Amino acid sequence: MSIILLLIPVSLAIAAAFVGAFIWAVRSGQYEDTCTPSLRVLNDDGTLDPAASRGEGQAGGGIVHPSLGANSISAAAPPENQ
């Protein structure tokens, strides 16, 4: 039963550390841009086609593959089965 007298303060200290880390993360701007990191994984060559990402031009939008040229969007057209 005496262990509870140790576990309660230890758990409160750990909880306070997590709250402090969360407040530090919010104040330092860790949650400022939540959209770009998820799109960065799709952009393998470092360039996005701005017209395609806005929905202009071909339907579906997507990433321009450098070997296909500016008129071909790799995400809009699935590969053909031969």
PDB file of N, CA and C in Angstrom:
ATOM      1  N   MET A   1       0.821  -1.198   0.000  1.00  0.00           N
ATOM      2  CA  MET A   1       0.000   0.000   0.000  1.00  0.00           C
ATOM      3  C   MET A   1       0.866   1.263   0.000  1.00  0.00           C
ATOM      4  N   SER A   2       2.058   1.175   0.551  1.00  0.00           N
ATOM      5  CA  SER A   2       2.914   2.355   0.602  1.00  0.00           C
ATOM      6  C   SER A   2       3.478   2.708  -0.779  1.00  0.00           C
ATOM      7  N   ILE A   3       3.438   1.768  -1.710  1.00  0.00           N
ATOM      8  CA  ILE A   3       3.932   2.050  -3.061  1.00  0.00           C
ATOM      9  C   ILE A   3       3.052   3.072  -3.766  1.00  0.00           C
ATOM     10  N   ILE A   4       1.771   3.131  -3.407  1.00  0.00           N
ATOM     11  CA  ILE A   4       0.870   4.106  -4.017  1.00  0.00           C
ATOM     12  C   ILE A   4       1.320   5.528  -3.691  1.00  0.00           C
ATOM     13  N   LEU A   5       1.948   5.713  -2.529  1.00  0.00           N
ATOM     14  CA  LEU A   5       2.447   7.037  -2.160  1.00  0.00           C
ATOM     15  C   LEU A   5       3.624   7.448  -3.045  1.00  0.00           C
ATOM     16  N   LEU A   6       4.283   6.504  -3.647  1.00  0.00           N
ATOM     17  CA  LEU A   6       5.362   6.796  -4.580  1.00  0.00           C
ATOM     18  C   LEU A   6       4.840   6.917  -6.013  1.00  0.00           C
ATOM     19  N   LEU A   7       3.903   6.059  -6.391  1.00  0.00           N
ATOM     20  CA  LEU A   7       3.431   6.027  -7.771  1.00  0.00           C
ATOM     21  C   LEU A   7       2.607   7.260  -8.158  1.00  0.00           C
ATOM     22  N   ILE A   8       1.828   7.790  -7.239  1.00  0.00           N
ATOM     23  CA  ILE A   8       1.001   8.961  -7.558  1.00  0.00           C
ATOM     24  C   ILE A   8       1.876  10.170  -7.893  1.00  0.00           C
ATOM     25  N   PRO A   9       2.853  10.541  -7.061  1.00  0.00           N
ATOM     26  CA  PRO A   9       3.692  11.683  -7.445  1.00  0.00           C
ATOM     27  C   PRO A   9       4.524  11.439  -8.720  1.00  0.00           C
ATOM     28  N   VAL A  10       4.991  10.221  -8.918  1.00  0.00           N
ATOM     29  CA  VAL A  10       5.753   9.918 -10.130  1.00  0.00           C
ATOM     30  C   VAL A  10       4.865  10.062 -11.361  1.00  0.00           C
ATOM     31  N   SER A  11       3.645   9.570 -11.300  1.00  0.00           N
ATOM     32  CA  SER A  11       2.739   9.680 -12.445  1.00  0.00           C
ATOM     33  C   SER A  11       2.348  11.131 -12.696  1.00  0.00           C
ATOM     34  N   LEU A  12       2.178  11.922 -11.665  1.00  0.00           N
ATOM     35  CA  LEU A  12       1.872  13.345 -11.838  1.00  0.00           C
ATOM     36  C   LEU A  12       3.065  14.084 -12.460  1.00  0.00           C
ATOM     37  N   ALA A  13       4.264  13.710 -12.080  1.00  0.00           N
ATOM     38  CA  ALA A  13       5.454  14.339 -12.656  1.00  0.00           C
ATOM     39  C   ALA A  13       5.581  13.993 -14.141  1.00  0.00           C
ATOM     40  N   ILE A  14       5.304  12.758 -14.514  1.00  0.00           N
ATOM     41  CA  ILE A  14       5.366  12.342 -15.919  1.00  0.00           C
ATOM     42  C   ILE A  14       4.284  13.055 -16.724  1.00  0.00           C
ATOM     43  N   ALA A  15       3.079  13.159 -16.151  1.00  0.00           N
ATOM     44  CA  ALA A  15       1.997  13.864 -16.841  1.00  0.00           C
ATOM     45  C   ALA A  15       2.349  15.333 -17.025  1.00  0.00           C
ATOM     46  N   ALA A  16       2.951  15.957 -16.028  1.00  0.00           N
ATOM     47  CA  ALA A  16       3.357  17.362 -16.141  1.00  0.00           C
ATOM     48  C   ALA A  16       4.434  17.527 -17.213  1.00  0.00           C
ATOM     49  N   ALA A  17       5.324  16.569 -17.332  1.00  0.00           N
ATOM     50  CA  ALA A  17       6.360  16.634 -18.370  1.00  0.00           C
ATOM     51  C   ALA A  17       5.729  16.553 -19.762  1.00  0.00           C
ATOM     52  N   PHE A  18       4.742  15.677 -19.940  1.00  0.00           N
ATOM     53  CA  PHE A  18       4.071  15.573 -21.232  1.00  0.00           C
ATOM     54  C   PHE A  18       3.286  16.843 -21.553  1.00  0.00           C
ATOM     55  N   VAL A  19       2.619  17.424 -20.582  1.00  0.00           N
ATOM     56  CA  VAL A  19       1.888  18.673 -20.809  1.00  0.00           C
ATOM     57  C   VAL A  19       2.873  19.786 -21.159  1.00  0.00           C
ATOM     58  N   GLY A  20       3.988  19.847 -20.460  1.00  0.00           N
ATOM     59  CA  GLY A  20       5.007  20.849 -20.764  1.00  0.00           C
ATOM     60  C   GLY A  20       5.580  20.683 -22.162  1.00  0.00           C
ATOM     61  N   ALA A  21       5.827  19.446 -22.571  1.00  0.00           N
ATOM     62  CA  ALA A  21       6.337  19.189 -23.924  1.00  0.00           C
ATOM     63  C   ALA A  21       5.312  19.576 -24.980  1.00  0.00           C
ATOM     64  N   PHE A  22       4.042  19.335 -24.716  1.00  0.00           N
ATOM     65  CA  PHE A  22       2.995  19.713 -25.659  1.00  0.00           C
ATOM     66  C   PHE A  22       2.901  21.233 -25.789  1.00  0.00           C
ATOM     67  N   ILE A  23       2.936  21.931 -24.672  1.00  0.00           N
ATOM     68  CA  ILE A  23       2.878  23.397 -24.708  1.00  0.00           C
ATOM     69  C   ILE A  23       4.096  23.962 -25.441  1.00  0.00           C
ATOM     70  N   TRP A  24       5.269  23.391 -25.200  1.00  0.00           N
ATOM     71  CA  TRP A  24       6.474  23.833 -25.904  1.00  0.00           C
ATOM     72  C   TRP A  24       6.329  23.609 -27.406  1.00  0.00           C
ATOM     73  N   ALA A  25       5.778  22.467 -27.813  1.00  0.00           N
ATOM     74  CA  ALA A  25       5.623  22.160 -29.238  1.00  0.00           C
ATOM     75  C   ALA A  25       4.660  23.134 -29.908  1.00  0.00           C
ATOM     76  N   VAL A  26       3.581  23.479 -29.230  1.00  0.00           N
ATOM     77  CA  VAL A  26       2.618  24.414 -29.808  1.00  0.00           C
ATOM     78  C   VAL A  26       3.232  25.801 -29.923  1.00  0.00           C
ATOM     79  N   ARG A  27       3.933  26.251 -28.916  1.00  0.00           N
ATOM     80  CA  ARG A  27       4.529  27.592 -28.937  1.00  0.00           C
ATOM     81  C   ARG A  27       5.681  27.703 -29.923  1.00  0.00           C
ATOM     82  N   SER A  28       6.389  26.612 -30.176  1.00  0.00           N
ATOM     83  CA  SER A  28       7.524  26.682 -31.101  1.00  0.00           C
ATOM     84  C   SER A  28       7.107  26.483 -32.555  1.00  0.00           C
ATOM     85  N   GLY A  29       5.817  26.280 -32.819  1.00  0.00           N
ATOM     86  CA  GLY A  29       5.327  26.206 -34.192  1.00  0.00           C
ATOM     87  C   GLY A  29       5.335  24.819 -34.799  1.00  0.00           C
ATOM     88  N   GLN A  30       5.353  23.775 -34.011  1.00  0.00           N
ATOM     89  CA  GLN A  30       5.371  22.422 -34.553  1.00  0.00           C
ATOM     90  C   GLN A  30       4.079  22.079 -35.294  1.00  0.00           C
ATOM     91  N   TYR A  31       2.977  22.748 -34.974  1.00  0.00           N
ATOM     92  CA  TYR A  31       1.687  22.438 -35.585  1.00  0.00           C
ATOM     93  C   TYR A  31       1.246  23.528 -36.552  1.00  0.00           C
ATOM     94  N   GLU A  32       2.173  24.351 -37.036  1.00  0.00           N
ATOM     95  CA  GLU A  32       1.825  25.443 -37.937  1.00  0.00           C
ATOM     96  C   GLU A  32       1.383  24.933 -39.307  1.00  0.00           C
ATOM     97  N   ASP A  33       2.152  24.043 -39.907  1.00  0.00           N
ATOM     98  CA  ASP A  33       1.867  23.569 -41.252  1.00  0.00           C
ATOM     99  C   ASP A  33       1.640  22.064 -41.213  1.00  0.00           C
ATOM    100  N   THR A  34       0.386  21.666 -41.259  1.00  0.00           N
ATOM    101  CA  THR A  34       0.075  20.242 -41.187  1.00  0.00           C
ATOM    102  C   THR A  34      -0.203  19.627 -42.559  1.00  0.00           C
ATOM    103  N   CYS A  35      -0.263  20.435 -43.616  1.00  0.00           N
ATOM    104  CA  CYS A  35      -0.588  19.911 -44.938  1.00  0.00           C
ATOM    105  C   CYS A  35       0.654  19.554 -45.757  1.00  0.00           C
ATOM    106  N   THR A  36       1.668  20.399 -45.722  1.00  0.00           N
ATOM    107  CA  THR A  36       2.844  20.205 -46.573  1.00  0.00           C
ATOM    108  C   THR A  36       3.587  18.896 -46.310  1.00  0.00           C
ATOM    109  N   PRO A  37       3.827  18.472 -45.063  1.00  0.00           N
ATOM    110  CA  PRO A  37       4.560  17.210 -44.879  1.00  0.00           C
ATOM    111  C   PRO A  37       3.869  16.001 -45.497  1.00  0.00           C
ATOM    112  N   SER A  38       2.556  15.982 -45.507  1.00  0.00           N
ATOM    113  CA  SER A  38       1.860  14.841 -46.102  1.00  0.00           C
ATOM    114  C   SER A  38       1.947  14.866 -47.623  1.00  0.00           C
ATOM    115  N   LEU A  39       2.091  16.039 -48.219  1.00  0.00           N
ATOM    116  CA  LEU A  39       2.242  16.123 -49.670  1.00  0.00           C
ATOM    117  C   LEU A  39       3.680  15.908 -50.104  1.00  0.00           C
ATOM    118  N   ARG A  40       4.630  16.154 -49.219  1.00  0.00           N
ATOM    119  CA  ARG A  40       6.040  16.029 -49.568  1.00  0.00           C
ATOM    120  C   ARG A  40       6.397  14.593 -49.939  1.00  0.00           C
ATOM    121  N   VAL A  41       5.752  13.618 -49.335  1.00  0.00           N
ATOM    122  CA  VAL A  41       6.063  12.225 -49.643  1.00  0.00           C
ATOM    123  C   VAL A  41       5.597  11.853 -51.057  1.00  0.00           C
ATOM    124  N   LEU A  42       4.597  12.534 -51.564  1.00  0.00           N
ATOM    125  CA  LEU A  42       4.113  12.265 -52.915  1.00  0.00           C
ATOM    126  C   LEU A  42       4.985  12.910 -53.979  1.00  0.00           C
ATOM    127  N   ASN A  43       5.711  13.925 -53.604  1.00  0.00           N
ATOM    128  CA  ASN A  43       6.509  14.701 -54.534  1.00  0.00           C
ATOM    129  C   ASN A  43       7.936  14.167 -54.541  1.00  0.00           C
ATOM    130  N   ASP A  44       8.207  13.177 -55.385  1.00  0.00           N
ATOM    131  CA  ASP A  44       9.501  12.510 -55.343  1.00  0.00           C
ATOM    132  C   ASP A  44      10.620  13.294 -56.008  1.00  0.00           C
ATOM    133  N   ASP A  45      10.316  14.192 -56.939  1.00  0.00           N
ATOM    134  CA  ASP A  45      11.382  14.931 -57.616  1.00  0.00           C
ATOM    135  C   ASP A  45      11.503  16.372 -57.154  1.00  0.00           C
ATOM    136  N   GLY A  46      10.649  16.825 -56.270  1.00  0.00           N
ATOM    137  CA  GLY A  46      10.763  18.167 -55.719  1.00  0.00           C
ATOM    138  C   GLY A  46       9.944  19.221 -56.421  1.00  0.00           C
ATOM    139  N   THR A  47       9.166  18.860 -57.448  1.00  0.00           N
ATOM    140  CA  THR A  47       8.362  19.860 -58.137  1.00  0.00           C
ATOM    141  C   THR A  47       6.915  19.402 -58.202  1.00  0.00           C
ATOM    142  N   LEU A  48       6.031  20.270 -57.844  1.00  0.00           N
ATOM    143  CA  LEU A  48       4.604  20.037 -58.024  1.00  0.00           C
ATOM    144  C   LEU A  48       4.120  20.870 -59.188  1.00  0.00           C
ATOM    145  N   ASP A  49       3.169  20.385 -59.929  1.00  0.00           N
ATOM    146  CA  ASP A  49       2.561  21.164 -60.989  1.00  0.00           C
ATOM    147  C   ASP A  49       1.480  22.028 -60.350  1.00  0.00           C
ATOM    148  N   PRO A  50       1.663  23.365 -60.258  1.00  0.00           N
ATOM    149  CA  PRO A  50       0.685  24.210 -59.579  1.00  0.00           C
ATOM    150  C   PRO A  50      -0.688  24.163 -60.227  1.00  0.00           C
ATOM    151  N   ALA A  51      -0.759  24.076 -61.555  1.00  0.00           N
ATOM    152  CA  ALA A  51      -2.053  24.035 -62.225  1.00  0.00           C
ATOM    153  C   ALA A  51      -2.784  22.743 -61.905  1.00  0.00           C
ATOM    154  N   ALA A  52      -2.055  21.639 -61.823  1.00  0.00           N
ATOM    155  CA  ALA A  52      -2.693  20.357 -61.542  1.00  0.00           C
ATOM    156  C   ALA A  52      -3.155  20.281 -60.099  1.00  0.00           C
ATOM    157  N   SER A  53      -2.405  20.858 -59.176  1.00  0.00           N
ATOM    158  CA  SER A  53      -2.805  20.781 -57.775  1.00  0.00           C
ATOM    159  C   SER A  53      -4.003  21.674 -57.484  1.00  0.00           C
ATOM    160  N   ARG A  54      -4.252  22.693 -58.343  1.00  0.00           N
ATOM    161  CA  ARG A  54      -5.441  23.539 -58.170  1.00  0.00           C
ATOM    162  C   ARG A  54      -6.643  22.960 -58.891  1.00  0.00           C
ATOM    163  N   GLY A  55      -6.454  21.898 -59.645  1.00  0.00           N
ATOM    164  CA  GLY A  55      -7.565  21.283 -60.352  1.00  0.00           C
ATOM    165  C   GLY A  55      -7.757  21.821 -61.757  1.00  0.00           C
ATOM    166  N   GLU A  56      -6.848  22.672 -62.233  1.00  0.00           N
ATOM    167  CA  GLU A  56      -6.959  23.202 -63.579  1.00  0.00           C
ATOM    168  C   GLU A  56      -6.387  22.197 -64.560  1.00  0.00           C
ATOM    169  N   GLY A  57      -6.804  22.276 -65.785  1.00  0.00           N
ATOM    170  CA  GLY A  57      -6.265  21.375 -66.804  1.00  0.00           C
ATOM    171  C   GLY A  57      -6.945  20.023 -66.728  1.00  0.00           C
ATOM    172  N   GLN A  58      -6.167  18.965 -66.654  1.00  0.00           N
ATOM    173  CA  GLN A  58      -6.717  17.620 -66.662  1.00  0.00           C
ATOM    174  C   GLN A  58      -7.431  17.326 -65.347  1.00  0.00           C
ATOM    175  N   ALA A  59      -8.419  16.474 -65.421  1.00  0.00           N
ATOM    176  CA  ALA A  59      -9.168  16.104 -64.227  1.00  0.00           C
ATOM    177  C   ALA A  59      -8.308  15.265 -63.306  1.00  0.00           C
ATOM    178  N   GLY A  60      -8.469  15.466 -62.028  1.00  0.00           N
ATOM    179  CA  GLY A  60      -7.774  14.653 -61.049  1.00  0.00           C
ATOM    180  C   GLY A  60      -6.572  15.307 -60.439  1.00  0.00           C
ATOM    181  N   GLY A  61      -5.884  16.191 -61.168  1.00  0.00           N
ATOM    182  CA  GLY A  61      -4.694  16.840 -60.624  1.00  0.00           C
ATOM    183  C   GLY A  61      -3.611  15.820 -60.344  1.00  0.00           C
ATOM    184  N   GLY A  62      -2.482  16.271 -59.888  1.00  0.00           N
ATOM    185  CA  GLY A  62      -1.442  15.321 -59.545  1.00  0.00           C
ATOM    186  C   GLY A  62      -0.061  15.888 -59.688  1.00  0.00           C
ATOM    187  N   ILE A  63       0.890  15.021 -59.748  1.00  0.00           N
ATOM    188  CA  ILE A  63       2.292  15.392 -59.813  1.00  0.00           C
ATOM    189  C   ILE A  63       2.803  15.151 -61.223  1.00  0.00           C
ATOM    190  N   VAL A  64       3.520  16.112 -61.748  1.00  0.00           N
ATOM    191  CA  VAL A  64       4.092  15.978 -63.085  1.00  0.00           C
ATOM    192  C   VAL A  64       5.374  15.180 -62.962  1.00  0.00           C
ATOM    193  N   HIS A  65       5.439  14.087 -63.678  1.00  0.00           N
ATOM    194  CA  HIS A  65       6.655  13.282 -63.676  1.00  0.00           C
ATOM    195  C   HIS A  65       7.620  13.901 -64.672  1.00  0.00           C
ATOM    196  N   PRO A  66       8.897  14.097 -64.304  1.00  0.00           N
ATOM    197  CA  PRO A  66       9.825  14.793 -65.185  1.00  0.00           C
ATOM    198  C   PRO A  66      10.032  14.119 -66.535  1.00  0.00           C
ATOM    199  N   SER A  67       9.947  12.812 -66.628  1.00  0.00           N
ATOM    200  CA  SER A  67      10.179  12.137 -67.900  1.00  0.00           C
ATOM    201  C   SER A  67       8.963  12.195 -68.822  1.00  0.00           C
ATOM    202  N   LEU A  68       7.804  12.565 -68.281  1.00  0.00           N
ATOM    203  CA  LEU A  68       6.592  12.590 -69.090  1.00  0.00           C
ATOM    204  C   LEU A  68       6.317  13.963 -69.684  1.00  0.00           C
ATOM    205  N   GLY A  69       6.884  15.015 -69.144  1.00  0.00           N
ATOM    206  CA  GLY A  69       6.646  16.363 -69.646  1.00  0.00           C
ATOM    207  C   GLY A  69       5.531  17.039 -68.885  1.00  0.00           C
ATOM    208  N   ALA A  70       5.320  18.299 -69.196  1.00  0.00           N
ATOM    209  CA  ALA A  70       4.361  19.109 -68.454  1.00  0.00           C
ATOM    210  C   ALA A  70       2.914  18.759 -68.776  1.00  0.00           C
ATOM    211  N   ASN A  71       2.648  18.113 -69.936  1.00  0.00           N
ATOM    212  CA  ASN A  71       1.271  17.819 -70.311  1.00  0.00           C
ATOM    213  C   ASN A  71       0.777  16.485 -69.777  1.00  0.00           C
ATOM    214  N   SER A  72       1.642  15.674 -69.203  1.00  0.00           N
ATOM    215  CA  SER A  72       1.249  14.372 -68.682  1.00  0.00           C
ATOM    216  C   SER A  72       1.280  14.405 -67.169  1.00  0.00           C
ATOM    217  N   ILE A  73       0.204  14.002 -66.564  1.00  0.00           N
ATOM    218  CA  ILE A  73       0.117  13.989 -65.098  1.00  0.00           C
ATOM    219  C   ILE A  73       0.025  12.537 -64.677  1.00  0.00           C
ATOM    220  N   SER A  74       0.998  12.105 -63.869  1.00  0.00           N
ATOM    221  CA  SER A  74       1.094  10.689 -63.536  1.00  0.00           C
ATOM    222  C   SER A  74      -0.021  10.219 -62.619  1.00  0.00           C
ATOM    223  N   ALA A  75      -0.567  11.089 -61.793  1.00  0.00           N
ATOM    224  CA  ALA A  75      -1.606  10.665 -60.859  1.00  0.00           C
ATOM    225  C   ALA A  75      -2.984  10.623 -61.515  1.00  0.00           C
ATOM    226  N   ALA A  76      -3.161  11.289 -62.655  1.00  0.00           N
ATOM    227  CA  ALA A  76      -4.473  11.369 -63.273  1.00  0.00           C
ATOM    228  C   ALA A  76      -4.776  10.157 -64.146  1.00  0.00           C
ATOM    229  N   ALA A  77      -3.750   9.565 -64.734  1.00  0.00           N
ATOM    230  CA  ALA A  77      -3.985   8.457 -65.653  1.00  0.00           C
ATOM    231  C   ALA A  77      -3.344   7.185 -65.102  1.00  0.00           C
ATOM    232  N   PRO A  78      -4.162   6.162 -64.849  1.00  0.00           N
ATOM    233  CA  PRO A  78      -3.583   4.896 -64.378  1.00  0.00           C
ATOM    234  C   PRO A  78      -2.832   4.207 -65.504  1.00  0.00           C
ATOM    235  N   PRO A  79      -1.864   3.357 -65.186  1.00  0.00           N
ATOM    236  CA  PRO A  79      -1.122   2.662 -66.238  1.00  0.00           C
ATOM    237  C   PRO A  79      -2.026   1.711 -67.009  1.00  0.00           C
ATOM    238  N   GLU A  80      -1.746   1.599 -68.303  1.00  0.00           N
ATOM    239  CA  GLU A  80      -2.555   0.721 -69.148  1.00  0.00           C
ATOM    240  C   GLU A  80      -2.039  -0.704 -69.042  1.00  0.00           C
ATOM    241  N   ASN A  81      -2.966  -1.667 -69.014  1.00  0.00           N
ATOM    242  CA  ASN A  81      -2.583  -3.076 -69.011  1.00  0.00           C
ATOM    243  C   ASN A  81      -2.355  -3.537 -70.441  1.00  0.00           C
ATOM    244  N   GLN A  82      -1.257  -4.232 -70.657  1.00  0.00           N
ATOM    245  CA  GLN A  82      -0.950  -4.668 -72.024  1.00  0.00           C
ATOM    246  C   GLN A  82      -0.980  -6.161 -72.116  1.00  0.00           C
TER     247      GLN A  82
END
